[in-house]
Every structure is written in structure tokens, then in C-alpha cells.
PDB file of all heavy atoms in Angstrom:
ATOM      1  N   LEU A   1       0.823  -1.216  -0.008  1.00  0.00           N
ATOM      2  CA  LEU A   1      -0.002   0.009  -0.010  1.00  0.00           C
ATOM      3  C   LEU A   1       0.863   1.250   0.007  1.00  0.00           C
ATOM      4  O   LEU A   1       0.597   2.209  -0.735  1.00  0.00           O
ATOM      5  CB  LEU A   1      -0.929  -0.031   1.216  1.00  0.00           C
ATOM      6  CG  LEU A   1      -1.940   1.120   1.338  1.00  0.00           C
ATOM      7  CD1 LEU A   1      -2.896   1.128   0.165  1.00  0.00           C
ATOM      8  CD2 LEU A   1      -2.683   1.036   2.668  1.00  0.00           C
ATOM      9  N   LYS A   2       1.921   1.257   0.831  1.00  0.00           N
ATOM     10  CA  LYS A   2       2.840   2.396   0.867  1.00  0.00           C
ATOM     11  C   LYS A   2       3.524   2.590  -0.457  1.00  0.00           C
ATOM     12  O   LYS A   2       3.700   3.723  -0.949  1.00  0.00           O
ATOM     13  CB  LYS A   2       3.883   2.198   1.972  1.00  0.00           C
ATOM     14  CG  LYS A   2       3.400   2.394   3.369  1.00  0.00           C
ATOM     15  CD  LYS A   2       4.564   2.549   4.338  1.00  0.00           C
ATOM     16  CE  LYS A   2       5.503   1.349   4.255  1.00  0.00           C
ATOM     17  NZ  LYS A   2       6.701   1.521   5.133  1.00  0.00           N
ATOM     18  N   SER A   3       3.961   1.486  -1.059  1.00  0.00           N
ATOM     19  CA  SER A   3       4.684   1.557  -2.314  1.00  0.00           C
ATOM     20  C   SER A   3       3.806   2.144  -3.425  1.00  0.00           C
ATOM     21  O   SER A   3       4.231   3.012  -4.203  1.00  0.00           O
ATOM     22  CB  SER A   3       5.156   0.145  -2.736  1.00  0.00           C
ATOM     23  OG  SER A   3       5.804   0.179  -3.989  1.00  0.00           O
ATOM     24  N   GLU A   4       2.555   1.711  -3.466  1.00  0.00           N
ATOM     25  CA  GLU A   4       1.653   2.216  -4.489  1.00  0.00           C
ATOM     26  C   GLU A   4       1.355   3.702  -4.268  1.00  0.00           C
ATOM     27  O   GLU A   4       1.309   4.471  -5.214  1.00  0.00           O
ATOM     28  CB  GLU A   4       0.343   1.393  -4.454  1.00  0.00           C
ATOM     29  CG  GLU A   4       0.504  -0.047  -4.927  1.00  0.00           C
ATOM     30  CD  GLU A   4      -0.759  -0.847  -4.688  1.00  0.00           C
ATOM     31  OE1 GLU A   4      -1.710  -0.320  -4.072  1.00  0.00           O
ATOM     32  OE2 GLU A   4      -0.787  -2.014  -5.126  1.00  0.00           O
ATOM     33  N   ALA A   5       1.175   4.100  -3.005  1.00  0.00           N
ATOM     34  CA  ALA A   5       0.917   5.508  -2.697  1.00  0.00           C
ATOM     35  C   ALA A   5       2.139   6.364  -3.033  1.00  0.00           C
ATOM     36  O   ALA A   5       2.006   7.486  -3.551  1.00  0.00           O
ATOM     37  CB  ALA A   5       0.554   5.668  -1.219  1.00  0.00           C
ATOM     38  N   ALA A   6       3.337   5.841  -2.757  1.00  0.00           N
ATOM     39  CA  ALA A   6       4.560   6.603  -3.070  1.00  0.00           C
ATOM     40  C   ALA A   6       4.737   6.779  -4.574  1.00  0.00           C
ATOM     41  O   ALA A   6       5.095   7.859  -5.053  1.00  0.00           O
ATOM     42  CB  ALA A   6       5.778   5.879  -2.492  1.00  0.00           C
ATOM     43  N   GLN A   7       4.429   5.743  -5.337  1.00  0.00           N
ATOM     44  CA  GLN A   7       4.526   5.829  -6.802  1.00  0.00           C
ATOM     45  C   GLN A   7       3.574   6.868  -7.364  1.00  0.00           C
ATOM     46  O   GLN A   7       3.880   7.518  -8.377  1.00  0.00           O
ATOM     47  CB  GLN A   7       4.226   4.451  -7.409  1.00  0.00           C
ATOM     48  CG  GLN A   7       5.318   3.414  -7.169  1.00  0.00           C
ATOM     49  CD  GLN A   7       4.943   2.051  -7.693  1.00  0.00           C
ATOM     50  OE1 GLN A   7       3.903   1.874  -8.333  1.00  0.00           O
ATOM     51  NE2 GLN A   7       5.772   1.046  -7.391  1.00  0.00           N
ATOM     52  N   GLN A   8       2.456   7.060  -6.718  1.00  0.00           N
ATOM     53  CA  GLN A   8       1.458   8.027  -7.163  1.00  0.00           C
ATOM     54  C   GLN A   8       1.684   9.402  -6.534  1.00  0.00           C
ATOM     55  O   GLN A   8       0.905  10.332  -6.761  1.00  0.00           O
ATOM     56  CB  GLN A   8       0.055   7.522  -6.823  1.00  0.00           C
ATOM     57  CG  GLN A   8      -0.303   6.248  -7.559  1.00  0.00           C
ATOM     58  CD  GLN A   8      -1.587   5.596  -7.017  1.00  0.00           C
ATOM     59  OE1 GLN A   8      -2.270   6.184  -6.161  1.00  0.00           O
ATOM     60  NE2 GLN A   8      -1.903   4.403  -7.501  1.00  0.00           N
ATOM     61  N   GLY A   9       2.754   9.532  -5.721  1.00  0.00           N
ATOM     62  CA  GLY A   9       3.074  10.787  -5.104  1.00  0.00           C
ATOM     63  C   GLY A   9       2.099  11.177  -4.017  1.00  0.00           C
ATOM     64  O   GLY A   9       1.913  12.369  -3.719  1.00  0.00           O
ATOM     65  N   GLU A  10       1.465  10.189  -3.354  1.00  0.00           N
ATOM     66  CA  GLU A  10       0.425  10.447  -2.359  1.00  0.00           C
ATOM     67  C   GLU A  10       0.835  10.061  -0.938  1.00  0.00           C
ATOM     68  O   GLU A  10       0.040  10.179  -0.024  1.00  0.00           O
ATOM     69  CB  GLU A  10      -0.845   9.678  -2.740  1.00  0.00           C
ATOM     70  CG  GLU A  10      -1.472  10.144  -4.052  1.00  0.00           C
ATOM     71  CD  GLU A  10      -2.654   9.285  -4.455  1.00  0.00           C
ATOM     72  OE1 GLU A  10      -2.858   8.227  -3.840  1.00  0.00           O
ATOM     73  OE2 GLU A  10      -3.390   9.694  -5.388  1.00  0.00           O
ATOM     74  N   LEU A  11       2.098   9.627  -0.748  1.00  0.00           N
ATOM     75  CA  LEU A  11       2.487   9.149   0.569  1.00  0.00           C
ATOM     76  C   LEU A  11       3.197  10.280   1.319  1.00  0.00           C
ATOM     77  O   LEU A  11       4.197  10.826   0.876  1.00  0.00           O
ATOM     78  CB  LEU A  11       3.429   7.949   0.442  1.00  0.00           C
ATOM     79  CG  LEU A  11       3.864   7.303   1.755  1.00  0.00           C
ATOM     80  CD1 LEU A  11       2.674   6.658   2.472  1.00  0.00           C
ATOM     81  CD2 LEU A  11       4.967   6.272   1.541  1.00  0.00           C
ATOM     82  N   ASN A  12       2.639  10.621   2.495  1.00  0.00           N
ATOM     83  CA  ASN A  12       3.270  11.573   3.414  1.00  0.00           C
ATOM     84  C   ASN A  12       3.655  12.899   2.724  1.00  0.00           C
ATOM     85  O   ASN A  12       4.773  13.421   2.905  1.00  0.00           O
ATOM     86  CB  ASN A  12       4.519  10.940   4.054  1.00  0.00           C
ATOM     87  CG  ASN A  12       4.191   9.698   4.843  1.00  0.00           C
ATOM     88  OD1 ASN A  12       3.115   9.576   5.390  1.00  0.00           O
ATOM     89  ND2 ASN A  12       5.126   8.770   4.916  1.00  0.00           N
ATOM     90  N   LYS A  13       2.718  13.458   1.971  1.00  0.00           N
ATOM     91  CA  LYS A  13       2.979  14.722   1.269  1.00  0.00           C
ATOM     92  C   LYS A  13       3.037  15.907   2.212  1.00  0.00           C
ATOM     93  O   LYS A  13       3.790  16.844   2.014  1.00  0.00           O
ATOM     94  CB  LYS A  13       1.877  14.959   0.210  1.00  0.00           C
ATOM     95  CG  LYS A  13       1.978  14.071  -0.996  1.00  0.00           C
ATOM     96  CD  LYS A  13       0.882  14.397  -2.012  1.00  0.00           C
ATOM     97  CE  LYS A  13       1.018  15.818  -2.542  1.00  0.00           C
ATOM     98  NZ  LYS A  13       0.011  16.094  -3.585  1.00  0.00           N
ATOM     99  N   ASN A  14       2.207  15.852   3.268  1.00  0.00           N
ATOM    100  CA  ASN A  14       2.126  16.969   4.211  1.00  0.00           C
ATOM    101  C   ASN A  14       2.948  16.640   5.440  1.00  0.00           C
ATOM    102  O   ASN A  14       2.480  15.905   6.327  1.00  0.00           O
ATOM    103  CB  ASN A  14       0.653  17.219   4.576  1.00  0.00           C
ATOM    104  CG  ASN A  14       0.449  18.495   5.395  1.00  0.00           C
ATOM    105  OD1 ASN A  14       1.293  18.833   6.215  1.00  0.00           O
ATOM    106  ND2 ASN A  14      -0.663  19.166   5.165  1.00  0.00           N
ATOM    107  N   GLU A  15       4.150  17.160   5.523  1.00  0.00           N
ATOM    108  CA  GLU A  15       5.065  16.831   6.608  1.00  0.00           C
ATOM    109  C   GLU A  15       4.492  17.288   7.958  1.00  0.00           C
ATOM    110  O   GLU A  15       4.646  16.566   8.971  1.00  0.00           O
ATOM    111  CB  GLU A  15       6.427  17.464   6.368  1.00  0.00           C
ATOM    112  CG  GLU A  15       7.475  17.140   7.428  1.00  0.00           C
ATOM    113  CD  GLU A  15       7.842  15.672   7.464  1.00  0.00           C
ATOM    114  OE1 GLU A  15       7.690  14.992   6.427  1.00  0.00           O
ATOM    115  OE2 GLU A  15       8.301  15.214   8.544  1.00  0.00           O
ATOM    116  N   LYS A  16       3.846  18.424   7.990  1.00  0.00           N
ATOM    117  CA  LYS A  16       3.291  18.935   9.255  1.00  0.00           C
ATOM    118  C   LYS A  16       2.193  18.009   9.758  1.00  0.00           C
ATOM    119  O   LYS A  16       2.150  17.706  10.962  1.00  0.00           O
ATOM    120  CB  LYS A  16       2.734  20.343   9.043  1.00  0.00           C
ATOM    121  CG  LYS A  16       2.230  20.993  10.322  1.00  0.00           C
ATOM    122  CD  LYS A  16       1.788  22.431  10.038  1.00  0.00           C
ATOM    123  CE  LYS A  16       1.264  23.090  11.326  1.00  0.00           C
ATOM    124  NZ  LYS A  16       0.825  24.480  11.089  1.00  0.00           N
ATOM    125  N   MET A  17       1.325  17.544   8.876  1.00  0.00           N
ATOM    126  CA  MET A  17       0.274  16.621   9.293  1.00  0.00           C
ATOM    127  C   MET A  17       0.863  15.289   9.736  1.00  0.00           C
ATOM    128  O   MET A  17       0.411  14.699  10.735  1.00  0.00           O
ATOM    129  CB  MET A  17      -0.706  16.383   8.125  1.00  0.00           C
ATOM    130  CG  MET A  17      -1.849  15.414   8.455  1.00  0.00           C
ATOM    131  SD  MET A  17      -2.945  15.076   7.046  1.00  0.00           S
ATOM    132  CE  MET A  17      -3.720  16.692   6.851  1.00  0.00           C
ATOM    133  N   LEU A  18       1.890  14.838   9.025  1.00  0.00           N
ATOM    134  CA  LEU A  18       2.515  13.566   9.367  1.00  0.00           C
ATOM    135  C   LEU A  18       3.111  13.645  10.773  1.00  0.00           C
ATOM    136  O   LEU A  18       2.924  12.704  11.581  1.00  0.00           O
ATOM    137  CB  LEU A  18       3.632  13.231   8.350  1.00  0.00           C
ATOM    138  CG  LEU A  18       4.408  11.942   8.613  1.00  0.00           C
ATOM    139  CD1 LEU A  18       3.516  10.727   8.544  1.00  0.00           C
ATOM    140  CD2 LEU A  18       5.556  11.813   7.599  1.00  0.00           C
ATOM    141  N   GLN A  19       3.850  14.698  11.071  1.00  0.00           N
ATOM    142  CA  GLN A  19       4.455  14.829  12.391  1.00  0.00           C
ATOM    143  C   GLN A  19       3.399  14.934  13.472  1.00  0.00           C
ATOM    144  O   GLN A  19       3.564  14.410  14.579  1.00  0.00           O
ATOM    145  CB  GLN A  19       5.362  16.052  12.415  1.00  0.00           C
ATOM    146  CG  GLN A  19       6.570  15.958  11.516  1.00  0.00           C
ATOM    147  CD  GLN A  19       7.412  14.701  11.805  1.00  0.00           C
ATOM    148  OE1 GLN A  19       7.642  14.347  12.964  1.00  0.00           O
ATOM    149  NE2 GLN A  19       7.853  14.047  10.756  1.00  0.00           N
ATOM    150  N   ARG A  20       2.294  15.583  13.159  1.00  0.00           N
ATOM    151  CA  ARG A  20       1.186  15.714  14.087  1.00  0.00           C
ATOM    152  C   ARG A  20       0.594  14.334  14.442  1.00  0.00           C
ATOM    153  O   ARG A  20       0.423  14.010  15.603  1.00  0.00           O
ATOM    154  CB  ARG A  20       0.117  16.626  13.462  1.00  0.00           C
ATOM    155  CG  ARG A  20      -1.103  16.875  14.326  1.00  0.00           C
ATOM    156  CD  ARG A  20      -2.119  17.700  13.536  1.00  0.00           C
ATOM    157  NE  ARG A  20      -3.362  17.860  14.246  1.00  0.00           N
ATOM    158  CZ  ARG A  20      -4.507  18.203  13.665  1.00  0.00           C
ATOM    159  NH1 ARG A  20      -4.543  18.444  12.348  1.00  0.00           N
ATOM    160  NH2 ARG A  20      -5.605  18.348  14.383  1.00  0.00           N
ATOM    161  N   VAL A  21       0.331  13.544  13.446  1.00  0.00           N
ATOM    162  CA  VAL A  21      -0.286  12.216  13.645  1.00  0.00           C
ATOM    163  C   VAL A  21       0.686  11.306  14.368  1.00  0.00           C
ATOM    164  O   VAL A  21       0.316  10.534  15.247  1.00  0.00           O
ATOM    165  CB  VAL A  21      -0.772  11.634  12.317  1.00  0.00           C
ATOM    166  CG1 VAL A  21      -1.227  10.193  12.504  1.00  0.00           C
ATOM    167  CG2 VAL A  21      -1.914  12.451  11.743  1.00  0.00           C
ATOM    168  N   ARG A  22       1.964  11.368  13.967  1.00  0.00           N
ATOM    169  CA  ARG A  22       2.973  10.487  14.613  1.00  0.00           C
ATOM    170  C   ARG A  22       3.178  10.867  16.086  1.00  0.00           C
ATOM    171  O   ARG A  22       3.433   9.990  16.923  1.00  0.00           O
ATOM    172  CB  ARG A  22       4.286  10.557  13.850  1.00  0.00           C
ATOM    173  CG  ARG A  22       4.237   9.781  12.541  1.00  0.00           C
ATOM    174  CD  ARG A  22       5.549   9.805  11.778  1.00  0.00           C
ATOM    175  NE  ARG A  22       5.522   8.916  10.617  1.00  0.00           N
ATOM    176  CZ  ARG A  22       6.497   8.819   9.721  1.00  0.00           C
ATOM    177  NH1 ARG A  22       7.597   9.562   9.847  1.00  0.00           N
ATOM    178  NH2 ARG A  22       6.384   7.972   8.702  1.00  0.00           N
ATOM    179  N   ALA A  23       3.085  12.185  16.389  1.00  0.00           N
ATOM    180  CA  ALA A  23       3.226  12.611  17.779  1.00  0.00           C
ATOM    181  C   ALA A  23       2.087  12.053  18.633  1.00  0.00           C
ATOM    182  O   ALA A  23       2.296  11.644  19.764  1.00  0.00           O
ATOM    183  CB  ALA A  23       3.276  14.119  17.855  1.00  0.00           C
ATOM    184  N   ILE A  24       0.863  12.033  18.075  1.00  0.00           N
ATOM    185  CA  ILE A  24      -0.289  11.468  18.792  1.00  0.00           C
ATOM    186  C   ILE A  24      -0.064   9.969  18.992  1.00  0.00           C
ATOM    187  O   ILE A  24      -0.312   9.443  20.101  1.00  0.00           O
ATOM    188  CB  ILE A  24      -1.577  11.757  18.007  1.00  0.00           C
ATOM    189  CG1 ILE A  24      -1.859  13.258  17.977  1.00  0.00           C
ATOM    190  CG2 ILE A  24      -2.746  10.996  18.624  1.00  0.00           C
ATOM    191  CD1 ILE A  24      -2.954  13.687  17.035  1.00  0.00           C
ATOM    192  N   ALA A  25       0.422   9.288  17.967  1.00  0.00           N
ATOM    193  CA  ALA A  25       0.682   7.859  18.097  1.00  0.00           C
ATOM    194  C   ALA A  25       1.724   7.588  19.155  1.00  0.00           C
ATOM    195  O   ALA A  25       1.630   6.603  19.914  1.00  0.00           O
ATOM    196  CB  ALA A  25       1.117   7.286  16.740  1.00  0.00           C
ATOM    197  N   ASP A  26       2.746   8.417  19.225  1.00  0.00           N
ATOM    198  CA  ASP A  26       3.814   8.201  20.206  1.00  0.00           C
ATOM    199  C   ASP A  26       3.308   8.309  21.640  1.00  0.00           C
ATOM    200  O   ASP A  26       3.861   7.697  22.562  1.00  0.00           O
ATOM    201  CB  ASP A  26       4.932   9.232  19.994  1.00  0.00           C
ATOM    202  CG  ASP A  26       5.786   8.904  18.759  1.00  0.00           C
ATOM    203  OD1 ASP A  26       5.747   7.754  18.302  1.00  0.00           O
ATOM    204  OD2 ASP A  26       6.488   9.838  18.284  1.00  0.00           O
ATOM    205  N   ARG A  27       2.245   9.087  21.840  1.00  0.00           N
ATOM    206  CA  ARG A  27       1.673   9.202  23.187  1.00  0.00           C
ATOM    207  C   ARG A  27       0.742   8.024  23.502  1.00  0.00           C
ATOM    208  O   ARG A  27       0.589   7.629  24.666  1.00  0.00           O
ATOM    209  CB  ARG A  27       0.901  10.514  23.320  1.00  0.00           C
ATOM    210  CG  ARG A  27       1.830  11.714  23.491  1.00  0.00           C
ATOM    211  CD  ARG A  27       1.117  13.044  23.481  1.00  0.00           C
ATOM    212  NE  ARG A  27       0.054  13.147  24.488  1.00  0.00           N
ATOM    213  CZ  ARG A  27      -0.621  14.293  24.730  1.00  0.00           C
ATOM    214  NH1 ARG A  27      -0.340  15.374  24.002  1.00  0.00           N
ATOM    215  NH2 ARG A  27      -1.562  14.326  25.630  1.00  0.00           N
ATOM    216  N   ILE A  28       0.137   7.449  22.485  1.00  0.00           N
ATOM    217  CA  ILE A  28      -0.790   6.359  22.686  1.00  0.00           C
ATOM    218  C   ILE A  28      -0.062   5.020  22.826  1.00  0.00           C
ATOM    219  O   ILE A  28      -0.449   4.175  23.638  1.00  0.00           O
ATOM    220  CB  ILE A  28      -1.839   6.278  21.550  1.00  0.00           C
ATOM    221  CG1 ILE A  28      -2.749   7.512  21.621  1.00  0.00           C
ATOM    222  CG2 ILE A  28      -2.664   5.024  21.640  1.00  0.00           C
ATOM    223  CD1 ILE A  28      -3.758   7.568  20.492  1.00  0.00           C
ATOM    224  N   LYS A  29       0.985   4.828  22.057  1.00  0.00           N
ATOM    225  CA  LYS A  29       1.649   3.511  21.996  1.00  0.00           C
ATOM    226  C   LYS A  29       2.058   2.965  23.382  1.00  0.00           C
ATOM    227  O   LYS A  29       1.799   1.769  23.659  1.00  0.00           O
ATOM    228  CB  LYS A  29       2.857   3.572  21.054  1.00  0.00           C
ATOM    229  CG  LYS A  29       2.480   3.565  19.578  1.00  0.00           C
ATOM    230  CD  LYS A  29       3.706   3.502  18.690  1.00  0.00           C
ATOM    231  CE  LYS A  29       4.497   4.753  18.664  1.00  0.00           C
ATOM    232  NZ  LYS A  29       5.606   4.750  17.675  1.00  0.00           N
ATOM    233  N   PRO A  30       2.659   3.765  24.262  1.00  0.00           N
ATOM    234  CA  PRO A  30       3.044   3.198  25.577  1.00  0.00           C
ATOM    235  C   PRO A  30       1.843   2.742  26.388  1.00  0.00           C
ATOM    236  O   PRO A  30       1.961   1.842  27.227  1.00  0.00           O
ATOM    237  CB  PRO A  30       3.750   4.368  26.258  1.00  0.00           C
ATOM    238  CG  PRO A  30       4.174   5.280  25.159  1.00  0.00           C
ATOM    239  CD  PRO A  30       3.129   5.148  24.115  1.00  0.00           C
ATOM    240  N   GLN A  31       0.686   3.341  26.152  1.00  0.00           N
ATOM    241  CA  GLN A  31      -0.510   3.000  26.929  1.00  0.00           C
ATOM    242  C   GLN A  31      -1.069   1.626  26.540  1.00  0.00           C
ATOM    243  O   GLN A  31      -1.866   1.053  27.304  1.00  0.00           O
ATOM    244  CB  GLN A  31      -1.593   4.070  26.735  1.00  0.00           C
ATOM    245  CG  GLN A  31      -1.113   5.508  26.896  1.00  0.00           C
ATOM    246  CD  GLN A  31      -0.350   5.719  28.183  1.00  0.00           C
ATOM    247  OE1 GLN A  31      -0.729   5.221  29.236  1.00  0.00           O
ATOM    248  NE2 GLN A  31       0.725   6.526  28.153  1.00  0.00           N
ATOM    249  N   THR A  32      -0.678   1.120  25.392  1.00  0.00           N
ATOM    250  CA  THR A  32      -1.173  -0.181  24.968  1.00  0.00           C
ATOM    251  C   THR A  32      -0.718  -1.305  25.907  1.00  0.00           C
ATOM    252  O   THR A  32      -1.340  -2.387  25.937  1.00  0.00           O
ATOM    253  CB  THR A  32      -0.718  -0.520  23.546  1.00  0.00           C
ATOM    254  OG1 THR A  32       0.733  -0.539  23.485  1.00  0.00           O
ATOM    255  CG2 THR A  32      -1.231   0.521  22.536  1.00  0.00           C
ATOM    256  N   ALA A  33       0.328  -1.068  26.708  1.00  0.00           N
ATOM    257  CA  ALA A  33       0.813  -2.075  27.633  1.00  0.00           C
ATOM    258  C   ALA A  33      -0.233  -2.441  28.678  1.00  0.00           C
ATOM    259  O   ALA A  33      -0.190  -3.529  29.265  1.00  0.00           O
ATOM    260  CB  ALA A  33       2.070  -1.586  28.334  1.00  0.00           C
TER     261      ALA A  33
END
């Protein structure tokens, strides 16, 4: 899925949005324990 999106130029185009979503994930991941 990532490869196909990258080929179409649709993967992680908005760096600000990407960092925002990854920061939220980083706060949630430890809580999964």
C-alpha cells in the first residue's frame, strides 16, 4: 500500500500533518501495555 501511494506521489505529502499524527501515536503507544 505504501509503495503504491509513493509511486502516485500520495504518501506523506504533508510533513506537518505527518508529524502531528505520529506525535499522537507516540503518546498512545506506551498506553497499549
